[in-house]
Structure formats: C-alpha cells, structure tokens
Amino acid sequence: MRQRMKIETVLFIFLAVGGVLLFTGCSGEKAAPIRMGDTVASFSAADLKGETFSLDAHRGNPVIMRFFLTDCPYCKADTPVFNEFYDKYRDHGLAMVYINNNAADAGEVEAFVRDLEVEFPVIYNPEGTIARKYNVKIQPLTLVLSPEHKLLGALLGGVSEAELNELLNPYLQ
C-alpha cells in the first residue's frame, strides 16, 4: 500500500511539473532557429558608452556578433583574438559587437571590457532580448555575418583566428 502511494505521488509530481513546463514552454514568443545562409534580423541597442549599435547601420559590411559570459574561460581566452582581428580588419569594413546578458550588473561587464582592452562596441542586455531574438540558448556563441547579413557561421565556445579567416576572408580583401 505504501509503495503504491509513493508511486502515485511521484507520478503526480512528474505530471504536474511536466504540465507546467508544457504550458510555460508554449507561452511567449519564440524565435525561429537561424540556419546557415539565412539573413538575420536587425537589432539596435545602446552599448556601454551610451552609443547606439544598429546592425542595419553595418549593412554592406561583414559583422561578428559575440554572445559572451563575463565568467567564461573561453571568452577571456579568445577575446584577444577578436581584438586583434578587429584591429586588423576594421579599416576593411569589419564590424564587431559583444553582447552580454548574464552579468550581475553593467559594472561587471565594464570590468571585463577594461581588463581585456575591448575597443569595439559591447552591449549589456540583462533582459536577454537580443539573445532571444536570435534563439541563442548556449553561450559563448559567435555569429559571423556576410556583408548582406546572411549567417556564414555559428561558432560555439572558443574561437580561433583561423576560423574567422576561413569565414570572412572573401569579404575582407
């Protein structure tokens, strides 16, 4: 009798939690997955300096969008790669933006930027609206866009200069 009650209790909890997840998962807006070759939707947001970064303003130029975490070892390790790549190709039209939505506050993101000497725009988006717009579920994630803002690559985790060169070399001559 006790065994049956335990099983029924566990089953009830399982079904109740499953029902809650089902209904909450069905509510709200969901972004469609972006596939290679898709043109990505634009966004605009203020960066840490208070300047507006708009993806539309960079149409005609390749763009690197990096969704990063301030406490991520990959992000700290490969940010110098992004810095050097940006320094090398910004005069060729390359645009780059870092986007963070996990930091406790903007000060934490500012410390990351200062410590790693990031010169390109960095956006603190604690609401996560930009990540949701692009269906970003796991970070760090780097989206590499052609000058027409078609998705050339979605790189999860650490990124190397060789990967960036492979994707963007035709557009940075």
Protein backbone atom coordinates (compact mmCIF):
# COMPACT_ATOMS: atom_id res chain seq x y z
CA MET A 1 0.00 0.00 0.00
CA ARG A 2 2.81 2.45 0.93
CA GLN A 3 4.72 1.55 -2.23
CA ARG A 4 1.66 2.32 -4.36
CA MET A 5 1.21 5.72 -2.64
CA LYS A 6 4.85 6.58 -3.30
CA ILE A 7 4.50 5.66 -6.97
CA GLU A 8 1.28 7.66 -7.28
CA THR A 9 2.89 10.66 -5.56
CA VAL A 10 5.94 10.54 -7.81
CA LEU A 11 3.72 10.15 -10.89
CA PHE A 12 1.54 13.08 -9.78
CA ILE A 13 4.58 15.33 -9.26
CA PHE A 14 6.06 14.26 -12.60
CA LEU A 15 2.80 15.03 -14.45
CA ALA A 16 2.29 18.32 -12.62
CA VAL A 17 5.81 19.55 -13.41
CA GLY A 18 5.51 18.32 -16.98
CA GLY A 19 2.23 20.18 -17.40
CA VAL A 20 3.70 23.39 -16.05
CA LEU A 21 6.69 23.09 -18.40
CA LEU A 22 4.40 22.34 -21.32
CA PHE A 23 2.23 25.39 -20.75
CA THR A 24 5.05 27.79 -19.95
CA GLY A 25 7.01 26.48 -22.92
CA CYS A 26 4.08 27.26 -25.20
CA SER A 27 3.56 30.80 -23.98
CA GLY A 28 5.51 33.85 -25.03
CA GLU A 29 7.33 34.49 -28.25
CA LYS A 30 9.79 32.02 -29.65
CA ALA A 31 12.40 32.88 -32.20
CA ALA A 32 12.71 30.60 -35.16
CA PRO A 33 16.08 28.89 -35.49
CA ILE A 34 18.50 30.68 -37.79
CA ARG A 35 20.06 28.48 -40.44
CA MET A 36 23.25 28.97 -42.43
CA GLY A 37 22.56 31.32 -45.31
CA ASP A 38 19.56 32.96 -43.63
CA THR A 39 19.53 36.75 -43.48
CA VAL A 40 19.41 37.67 -39.81
CA ALA A 41 17.01 40.25 -38.45
CA SER A 42 18.41 43.57 -37.34
CA PHE A 43 18.55 44.95 -33.81
CA SER A 44 19.57 48.20 -32.16
CA ALA A 45 20.80 48.72 -28.62
CA ALA A 46 22.92 51.11 -26.60
CA ASP A 47 26.45 49.98 -25.88
CA LEU A 48 28.36 50.59 -22.64
CA LYS A 49 29.43 54.03 -23.91
CA GLY A 50 25.79 55.03 -24.50
CA GLU A 51 26.15 54.91 -28.27
CA THR A 52 23.61 53.05 -30.37
CA PHE A 53 24.80 49.96 -32.19
CA SER A 54 22.45 49.07 -35.04
CA LEU A 55 23.02 46.04 -37.20
CA ASP A 56 21.30 47.85 -40.10
CA ALA A 57 23.93 50.60 -39.93
CA HIS A 58 26.53 47.98 -40.91
CA ARG A 59 24.70 46.55 -43.93
CA GLY A 60 27.25 46.12 -46.69
CA ASN A 61 29.94 45.09 -44.20
CA PRO A 62 30.70 41.76 -42.53
CA VAL A 63 29.73 41.60 -38.86
CA ILE A 64 30.81 39.44 -35.95
CA MET A 65 28.25 39.18 -33.13
CA ARG A 66 29.55 37.52 -29.97
CA PHE A 67 27.21 36.48 -27.16
CA PHE A 68 29.59 36.18 -24.22
CA LEU A 69 29.70 35.49 -20.49
CA THR A 70 31.89 37.52 -18.14
CA ASP A 71 32.90 34.44 -16.16
CA CYS A 72 33.60 32.22 -19.18
CA PRO A 73 37.20 31.00 -19.58
CA TYR A 74 36.75 30.70 -23.38
CA CYS A 75 35.58 34.30 -23.58
CA LYS A 76 38.55 35.55 -21.61
CA ALA A 77 40.97 33.39 -23.59
CA ASP A 78 39.79 34.30 -27.09
CA THR A 79 38.88 37.97 -26.63
CA PRO A 80 42.48 38.90 -27.59
CA VAL A 81 41.86 37.02 -30.87
CA PHE A 82 38.75 39.13 -31.50
CA ASN A 83 40.64 42.31 -30.54
CA GLU A 84 43.46 41.57 -32.99
CA PHE A 85 41.06 40.53 -35.76
CA TYR A 86 39.07 43.73 -35.29
CA ASP A 87 42.21 45.88 -35.28
CA LYS A 88 43.41 44.18 -38.46
CA TYR A 89 40.14 44.43 -40.42
CA ARG A 90 38.06 47.33 -39.12
CA ASP A 91 39.52 49.56 -41.85
CA HIS A 92 38.25 46.94 -44.34
CA GLY A 93 34.69 47.43 -43.05
CA LEU A 94 34.51 44.73 -40.39
CA ALA A 95 32.01 45.47 -37.61
CA MET A 96 32.08 43.62 -34.32
CA VAL A 97 29.86 43.66 -31.25
CA TYR A 98 29.92 41.75 -27.96
CA ILE A 99 26.57 41.14 -26.24
CA ASN A 100 26.20 40.10 -22.60
CA ASN A 101 23.06 39.18 -20.71
CA ASN A 102 24.35 37.23 -17.70
CA ALA A 103 26.38 39.70 -15.66
CA ALA A 104 25.14 40.86 -12.27
CA ASP A 105 25.37 44.47 -13.45
CA ALA A 106 26.91 46.72 -16.08
CA GLY A 107 29.96 47.25 -13.83
CA GLU A 108 30.87 43.58 -14.19
CA VAL A 109 30.74 43.89 -18.00
CA GLU A 110 32.75 47.13 -17.87
CA ALA A 111 35.44 45.37 -15.82
CA PHE A 112 35.61 42.57 -18.42
CA VAL A 113 35.95 45.15 -21.22
CA ARG A 114 38.61 47.13 -19.33
CA ASP A 115 40.64 44.07 -18.30
CA LEU A 116 40.65 42.63 -21.83
CA GLU A 117 41.04 46.00 -23.58
CA VAL A 118 37.99 45.61 -25.83
CA GLU A 119 37.71 48.52 -28.30
CA PHE A 120 34.61 47.54 -30.28
CA PRO A 121 31.02 48.05 -29.05
CA VAL A 122 29.87 45.98 -26.07
CA ILE A 123 26.21 45.77 -25.13
CA TYR A 124 24.88 44.79 -21.71
CA ASN A 125 21.39 43.38 -22.26
CA PRO A 126 20.26 41.91 -18.92
CA GLU A 127 16.74 41.30 -20.25
CA GLY A 128 18.19 38.91 -22.83
CA THR A 129 16.02 40.29 -25.63
CA ILE A 130 18.83 40.24 -28.19
CA ALA A 131 19.81 36.63 -27.41
CA ARG A 132 16.16 35.57 -27.63
CA LYS A 133 15.78 37.36 -30.98
CA TYR A 134 18.49 35.09 -32.42
CA ASN A 135 17.39 32.00 -30.49
CA VAL A 136 20.69 31.90 -28.57
CA LYS A 137 20.39 29.20 -25.92
CA ILE A 138 24.05 28.43 -25.14
CA GLN A 139 26.90 30.90 -24.72
CA PRO A 140 29.51 31.80 -25.75
CA LEU A 141 28.22 31.85 -29.29
CA THR A 142 29.66 33.81 -32.19
CA LEU A 143 27.52 34.63 -35.21
CA VAL A 144 29.51 35.55 -38.31
CA LEU A 145 27.57 37.52 -40.93
CA SER A 146 28.31 38.31 -44.55
CA PRO A 147 28.02 41.92 -45.81
CA GLU A 148 24.39 41.07 -46.71
CA HIS A 149 23.98 39.85 -43.10
CA LYS A 150 23.49 36.25 -44.12
CA LEU A 151 24.68 33.77 -41.49
CA LEU A 152 28.07 32.38 -42.53
CA GLY A 153 28.79 30.56 -39.28
CA ALA A 154 27.68 29.99 -35.70
CA LEU A 155 30.70 29.14 -33.57
CA LEU A 156 30.07 27.69 -30.13
CA GLY A 157 32.75 28.06 -27.46
CA GLY A 158 36.23 29.37 -28.11
CA VAL A 159 37.05 30.87 -31.49
CA SER A 160 40.35 30.94 -33.36
CA GLU A 161 41.70 33.43 -35.87
CA ALA A 162 41.82 30.61 -38.43
CA GLU A 163 38.05 30.09 -38.09
CA LEU A 164 37.35 33.80 -38.51
CA ASN A 165 39.69 33.96 -41.52
CA GLU A 166 38.04 30.97 -43.14
CA LEU A 167 34.58 32.52 -42.87
CA LEU A 168 35.40 36.15 -43.58
CA ASN A 169 38.47 36.16 -45.82
CA PRO A 170 36.50 36.61 -49.06
CA TYR A 171 34.92 39.79 -47.65
CA LEU A 172 37.99 41.41 -46.11
CA GLN A 173 40.34 41.78 -49.10
